[in-house]
Amino acid sequence: MDNIIEVSETTFQYDVLQRSTEIPVVVDFWAPWCGPCKMLSPILERLADDPAYYFILAKVNVDDNPQLSMQYSIQGIPAVLAFVDGELVDGFVGVQPEGRIHEFLSDLIPDETDQAINDGKSLLATHHWAEAEDTFRNLHDEFPHRADINLGLGLALLAQGKACEALDYLRQVKDGRELSQTEKLIPLAQFMCRTTESPDDIADLEPLDAQYRQAGRLLLNGNYEAAMDGLIDILRQNKRYRRGEPRAVMLGLFELLGENNTLTQQYRNELASVLF
């Protein structure tokens, strides 16, 4: 992994906010003409490559990215902001003694549990579902009520077609920042779970019901593209089919695959064109 990256206004959402859900991201606001920046940046870059620390250094040229400077109220540079789990958690302005910088970075290092959760999230992001399941199961044994652990385990199980078990863990998420994502996943998990409990024979079903059942089978087998083709086709024929349930299923699938997945991007656009 490249620990030092250049970030722009167009890449900030992914490179900083989204990636900070997996690893702390330290943003260095600088400019080529800034003398103090030339003193601070080499220290940050050296520490970013130090295995004792665990963070990504994201460099933002304020001359090229004025909107980011305004958004985060950058009054002077160098300015350093730290992001964890998509949120701004700390920062400082100006050149600092190296000891102070070490303290700043040390506060971002997760404890063993947080590190294990971050490892699990990384496995989810790279679609190593079975390994992610093992990681989150071990965490769940010790912390059965943590929302982030229940969500992670639910995601890993759902991606492997273990929908009914996934639903049990997703339903344990009652609050916190994980709740919004979980609420989108539950319709998908319910549909897939219901499909596992339904008979294979679809000969006696109405055409749309048969097509919907087949989409569920495809999801259980991990054939997401064909499943979404089927769901889109159902909505083209009847937007109100089962009170719009195919739409909710697709939104859950987007959460499972992630916003940067090419299928998510393609089918989100197709869904919008069908519905609107």
Protein backbone atom coordinates (compact mmCIF):
# COMPACT_ATOMS: atom_id res chain seq x y z
CA MET A 1 0.00 0.00 0.00
CA ASP A 2 1.27 3.47 -0.91
CA ASN A 3 1.33 5.37 2.38
CA ILE A 4 1.86 8.79 0.77
CA ILE A 5 -0.69 10.02 -1.76
CA GLU A 6 -1.64 13.24 -3.54
CA VAL A 7 -5.29 14.18 -3.01
CA SER A 8 -7.53 16.57 -4.91
CA GLU A 9 -11.04 17.90 -4.45
CA THR A 10 -12.37 15.13 -6.70
CA THR A 11 -10.58 12.30 -4.87
CA PHE A 12 -10.91 13.53 -1.29
CA GLN A 13 -14.17 11.67 -0.59
CA TYR A 14 -12.64 8.29 -1.40
CA ASP A 15 -8.94 8.77 -0.64
CA VAL A 16 -9.53 10.43 2.73
CA LEU A 17 -13.04 9.98 4.10
CA GLN A 18 -13.74 6.48 2.85
CA ARG A 19 -10.24 5.11 3.32
CA SER A 20 -10.19 6.45 6.88
CA THR A 21 -12.76 3.78 7.76
CA GLU A 22 -9.96 1.25 7.24
CA ILE A 23 -6.84 3.17 8.30
CA PRO A 24 -6.25 6.63 9.82
CA VAL A 25 -5.61 9.29 7.18
CA VAL A 26 -3.48 12.35 7.98
CA VAL A 27 -4.01 15.25 5.57
CA ASP A 28 -1.15 17.69 5.01
CA PHE A 29 -2.37 21.01 3.58
CA TRP A 30 0.65 22.66 1.93
CA ALA A 31 1.79 24.86 -0.97
CA PRO A 32 5.02 24.99 -3.01
CA TRP A 33 5.77 28.55 -1.87
CA CYS A 34 5.31 27.76 1.84
CA GLY A 35 8.64 27.72 3.69
CA PRO A 36 7.39 26.06 6.91
CA CYS A 37 5.71 23.37 4.78
CA LYS A 38 9.15 22.40 3.49
CA MET A 39 10.19 21.78 7.09
CA LEU A 40 7.13 19.80 8.18
CA SER A 41 6.39 17.69 5.10
CA PRO A 42 9.64 15.67 5.17
CA ILE A 43 8.97 14.72 8.80
CA LEU A 44 5.45 13.54 8.01
CA GLU A 45 6.63 11.64 4.93
CA ARG A 46 9.37 9.89 6.88
CA LEU A 47 6.94 8.87 9.62
CA ALA A 48 4.40 7.66 7.05
CA ASP A 49 6.99 5.09 5.96
CA ASP A 50 7.84 4.16 9.55
CA PRO A 51 6.35 0.73 10.40
CA ALA A 52 5.86 1.91 13.99
CA TYR A 53 2.99 4.07 12.76
CA TYR A 54 -0.19 3.13 10.94
CA PHE A 55 -1.60 5.86 8.73
CA ILE A 56 -1.86 7.21 5.20
CA LEU A 57 -0.40 10.65 4.51
CA ALA A 58 -2.63 12.53 2.07
CA LYS A 59 -1.08 15.71 0.66
CA VAL A 60 -3.33 18.56 -0.48
CA ASN A 61 -1.90 21.48 -2.45
CA VAL A 62 -4.04 24.40 -1.29
CA ASP A 63 -3.37 26.41 -4.45
CA ASP A 64 -4.87 23.66 -6.59
CA ASN A 65 -7.69 22.79 -4.17
CA PRO A 66 -9.13 25.99 -2.69
CA GLN A 67 -12.55 24.45 -1.99
CA LEU A 68 -11.03 21.90 0.40
CA SER A 69 -9.23 24.70 2.22
CA MET A 70 -12.52 26.56 2.61
CA GLN A 71 -14.43 23.44 3.63
CA TYR A 72 -12.03 22.71 6.48
CA SER A 73 -11.43 26.36 7.43
CA ILE A 74 -7.72 26.30 6.69
CA GLN A 75 -6.49 29.73 7.83
CA GLY A 76 -2.77 29.08 7.54
CA ILE A 77 -0.36 26.42 6.35
CA PRO A 78 1.07 23.98 6.99
CA ALA A 79 -2.12 22.58 8.48
CA VAL A 80 -2.52 18.92 9.39
CA LEU A 81 -5.86 17.17 9.96
CA ALA A 82 -6.44 13.56 11.03
CA PHE A 83 -9.46 11.52 9.93
CA VAL A 84 -10.69 8.26 11.44
CA ASP A 85 -13.90 6.44 10.44
CA GLY A 86 -14.77 9.24 8.05
CA GLU A 87 -14.63 11.93 10.73
CA LEU A 88 -12.16 14.69 11.59
CA VAL A 89 -10.66 13.75 14.96
CA ASP A 90 -7.59 15.95 15.49
CA GLY A 91 -5.26 18.44 13.88
CA PHE A 92 -2.65 21.16 14.29
CA VAL A 93 -1.35 24.21 12.44
CA GLY A 94 2.27 25.19 11.86
CA VAL A 95 5.54 23.37 12.30
CA GLN A 96 5.59 21.34 15.52
CA PRO A 97 8.45 19.73 17.42
CA GLU A 98 8.97 16.19 16.20
CA GLY A 99 8.10 14.84 19.64
CA ARG A 100 4.71 16.54 19.44
CA ILE A 101 4.14 15.01 16.01
CA HIS A 102 4.99 11.57 17.39
CA GLU A 103 2.38 12.07 20.13
CA PHE A 104 -0.18 13.23 17.57
CA LEU A 105 0.35 10.11 15.45
CA SER A 106 0.47 7.76 18.43
CA ASP A 107 -3.01 8.87 19.44
CA LEU A 108 -4.25 7.63 16.06
CA ILE A 109 -2.84 4.13 16.44
CA PRO A 110 -5.74 1.78 17.19
CA ASP A 111 -5.63 -0.69 20.05
CA GLU A 112 -5.57 -4.42 19.31
CA THR A 113 -9.35 -4.68 19.02
CA ASP A 114 -9.64 -1.67 16.72
CA GLN A 115 -6.75 -3.02 14.66
CA ALA A 116 -8.52 -6.37 14.27
CA ILE A 117 -11.71 -4.57 13.22
CA ASN A 118 -9.75 -2.54 10.67
CA ASP A 119 -8.22 -5.76 9.35
CA GLY A 120 -11.71 -7.20 8.98
CA LYS A 121 -12.90 -4.09 7.14
CA SER A 122 -9.94 -4.33 4.78
CA LEU A 123 -10.84 -7.94 4.03
CA LEU A 124 -14.42 -6.88 3.32
CA ALA A 125 -13.23 -4.09 1.03
CA THR A 126 -11.15 -6.56 -1.00
CA HIS A 127 -13.97 -9.15 -1.00
CA HIS A 128 -12.06 -11.75 1.00
CA TRP A 129 -15.35 -12.81 2.53
CA ALA A 130 -14.35 -16.05 4.28
CA GLU A 131 -11.31 -14.47 5.93
CA ALA A 132 -13.43 -11.49 7.00
CA GLU A 133 -15.99 -13.88 8.50
CA ASP A 134 -13.28 -15.59 10.56
CA THR A 135 -11.95 -12.24 11.78
CA PHE A 136 -15.34 -10.90 12.82
CA ARG A 137 -16.44 -14.19 14.39
CA ASN A 138 -13.41 -14.09 16.66
CA LEU A 139 -14.21 -10.50 17.57
CA HIS A 140 -17.89 -11.31 18.13
CA ASP A 141 -16.98 -13.99 20.66
CA GLU A 142 -15.46 -11.24 22.82
CA PHE A 143 -17.68 -8.27 21.90
CA PRO A 144 -21.10 -9.66 20.92
CA HIS A 145 -22.92 -6.32 21.19
CA ARG A 146 -20.61 -4.03 19.20
CA ALA A 147 -22.46 -2.64 16.19
CA ASP A 148 -19.40 -2.49 13.92
CA ILE A 149 -18.59 -6.15 14.62
CA ASN A 150 -22.16 -7.33 14.03
CA LEU A 151 -22.29 -5.34 10.80
CA GLY A 152 -18.95 -6.71 9.61
CA LEU A 153 -19.96 -10.28 10.35
CA GLY A 154 -23.33 -9.76 8.69
CA LEU A 155 -21.68 -8.41 5.54
CA ALA A 156 -19.21 -11.29 5.34
CA LEU A 157 -21.94 -13.89 5.75
CA LEU A 158 -24.33 -12.21 3.33
CA ALA A 159 -21.70 -12.09 0.60
CA GLN A 160 -21.23 -15.84 0.95
CA GLY A 161 -24.95 -16.55 0.61
CA LYS A 162 -25.42 -17.29 4.34
CA ALA A 163 -28.31 -14.87 4.38
CA CYS A 164 -30.41 -16.15 7.28
CA GLU A 165 -27.43 -16.17 9.64
CA ALA A 166 -26.36 -12.76 8.35
CA LEU A 167 -29.82 -11.42 9.13
CA ASP A 168 -29.48 -12.48 12.77
CA TYR A 169 -26.33 -10.38 13.18
CA LEU A 170 -27.61 -7.39 11.21
CA ARG A 171 -30.69 -7.22 13.42
CA GLN A 172 -28.44 -6.80 16.45
CA VAL A 173 -27.31 -3.39 15.15
CA LYS A 174 -29.61 -0.99 16.98
CA ASP A 175 -27.84 2.36 16.79
CA GLY A 176 -24.62 4.15 15.94
CA ARG A 177 -23.20 5.15 12.58
CA GLU A 178 -23.61 1.55 11.41
CA LEU A 179 -27.41 1.68 11.64
CA SER A 180 -27.98 3.51 8.34
CA GLN A 181 -25.94 0.98 6.38
CA THR A 182 -27.56 -1.92 8.20
CA GLU A 183 -31.07 -0.69 7.41
CA LYS A 184 -30.21 -0.81 3.71
CA LEU A 185 -28.75 -4.32 3.98
CA ILE A 186 -31.67 -5.91 5.82
CA PRO A 187 -34.10 -6.00 2.84
CA LEU A 188 -31.40 -7.77 0.81
CA ALA A 189 -30.74 -10.24 3.61
CA GLN A 190 -34.46 -10.88 4.10
CA PHE A 191 -34.98 -11.54 0.40
CA MET A 192 -32.00 -13.89 0.15
CA CYS A 193 -32.99 -15.70 3.35
CA ARG A 194 -36.53 -16.12 2.11
CA THR A 195 -35.17 -17.51 -1.16
CA THR A 196 -33.16 -20.20 0.65
CA GLU A 197 -36.36 -21.35 2.34
CA SER A 198 -38.43 -21.39 -0.87
CA PRO A 199 -38.84 -24.44 -3.13
CA ASP A 200 -36.72 -24.63 -6.26
CA ASP A 201 -39.71 -25.30 -8.50
CA ILE A 202 -40.99 -22.07 -10.05
CA ALA A 203 -43.22 -23.62 -12.70
CA ASP A 204 -46.44 -22.70 -10.89
CA LEU A 205 -45.44 -19.11 -10.13
CA GLU A 206 -46.65 -16.02 -11.96
CA PRO A 207 -44.01 -14.72 -14.42
CA LEU A 208 -42.80 -11.81 -12.27
CA ASP A 209 -42.77 -13.99 -9.15
CA ALA A 210 -40.72 -16.60 -10.99
CA GLN A 211 -38.30 -13.94 -12.22
CA TYR A 212 -37.98 -12.53 -8.71
CA ARG A 213 -37.31 -15.98 -7.26
CA GLN A 214 -34.66 -16.57 -9.92
CA ALA A 215 -32.98 -13.26 -9.03
CA GLY A 216 -32.76 -14.48 -5.44
CA ARG A 217 -31.10 -17.72 -6.56
CA LEU A 218 -28.57 -15.76 -8.57
CA LEU A 219 -27.77 -13.58 -5.56
CA LEU A 220 -27.20 -16.62 -3.37
CA ASN A 221 -24.75 -17.94 -5.96
CA GLY A 222 -22.90 -14.63 -6.11
CA ASN A 223 -24.02 -13.86 -9.67
CA TYR A 224 -24.80 -10.25 -8.85
CA GLU A 225 -24.79 -8.86 -12.38
CA ALA A 226 -27.38 -11.33 -13.69
CA ALA A 227 -29.46 -10.86 -10.53
CA MET A 228 -29.53 -7.09 -10.97
CA ASP A 229 -30.45 -7.47 -14.62
CA GLY A 230 -33.45 -9.49 -13.47
CA LEU A 231 -34.41 -7.00 -10.76
CA ILE A 232 -34.16 -4.07 -13.18
CA ASP A 233 -36.34 -5.92 -15.68
CA ILE A 234 -38.98 -6.56 -13.00
CA LEU A 235 -39.07 -2.86 -12.14
CA ARG A 236 -39.35 -1.95 -15.81
CA GLN A 237 -42.46 -4.11 -16.01
CA ASN A 238 -43.94 -3.01 -12.69
CA LYS A 239 -42.33 -0.34 -10.50
CA ARG A 240 -44.74 -1.18 -7.69
CA TYR A 241 -44.06 -4.92 -7.69
CA ARG A 242 -44.16 -6.06 -4.06
CA ARG A 243 -44.33 -2.39 -3.04
CA GLY A 244 -40.99 -1.66 -4.66
CA GLU A 245 -39.10 -4.41 -2.84
CA PRO A 246 -36.71 -5.07 -5.78
CA ARG A 247 -35.49 -1.48 -5.44
CA ALA A 248 -34.72 -1.98 -1.75
CA VAL A 249 -32.93 -5.24 -2.57
CA MET A 250 -30.74 -3.45 -5.12
CA LEU A 251 -29.91 -0.65 -2.68
CA GLY A 252 -28.81 -3.31 -0.20
CA LEU A 253 -26.65 -4.92 -2.85
CA PHE A 254 -24.98 -1.58 -3.56
CA GLU A 255 -24.08 -1.42 0.16
CA LEU A 256 -22.69 -4.94 0.03
CA LEU A 257 -20.54 -4.32 -3.04
CA GLY A 258 -19.43 -0.80 -2.09
CA GLU A 259 -19.87 2.53 -3.84
CA ASN A 260 -16.67 2.19 -5.87
CA ASN A 261 -17.60 -1.17 -7.34
CA THR A 262 -18.21 -0.91 -11.09
CA LEU A 263 -21.45 -2.89 -10.80
CA THR A 264 -22.74 -0.47 -8.17
CA GLN A 265 -21.99 2.52 -10.37
CA GLN A 266 -23.51 0.93 -13.47
CA TYR A 267 -26.68 -0.38 -11.90
CA ARG A 268 -27.30 2.64 -9.69
CA ASN A 269 -27.57 4.65 -12.89
CA GLU A 270 -29.81 2.02 -14.50
CA LEU A 271 -32.04 1.93 -11.43
CA ALA A 272 -32.41 5.70 -11.49
CA SER A 273 -33.30 5.65 -15.19
CA VAL A 274 -36.01 3.05 -14.58
CA LEU A 275 -37.54 4.71 -11.54
CA PHE A 276 -37.30 8.32 -12.60
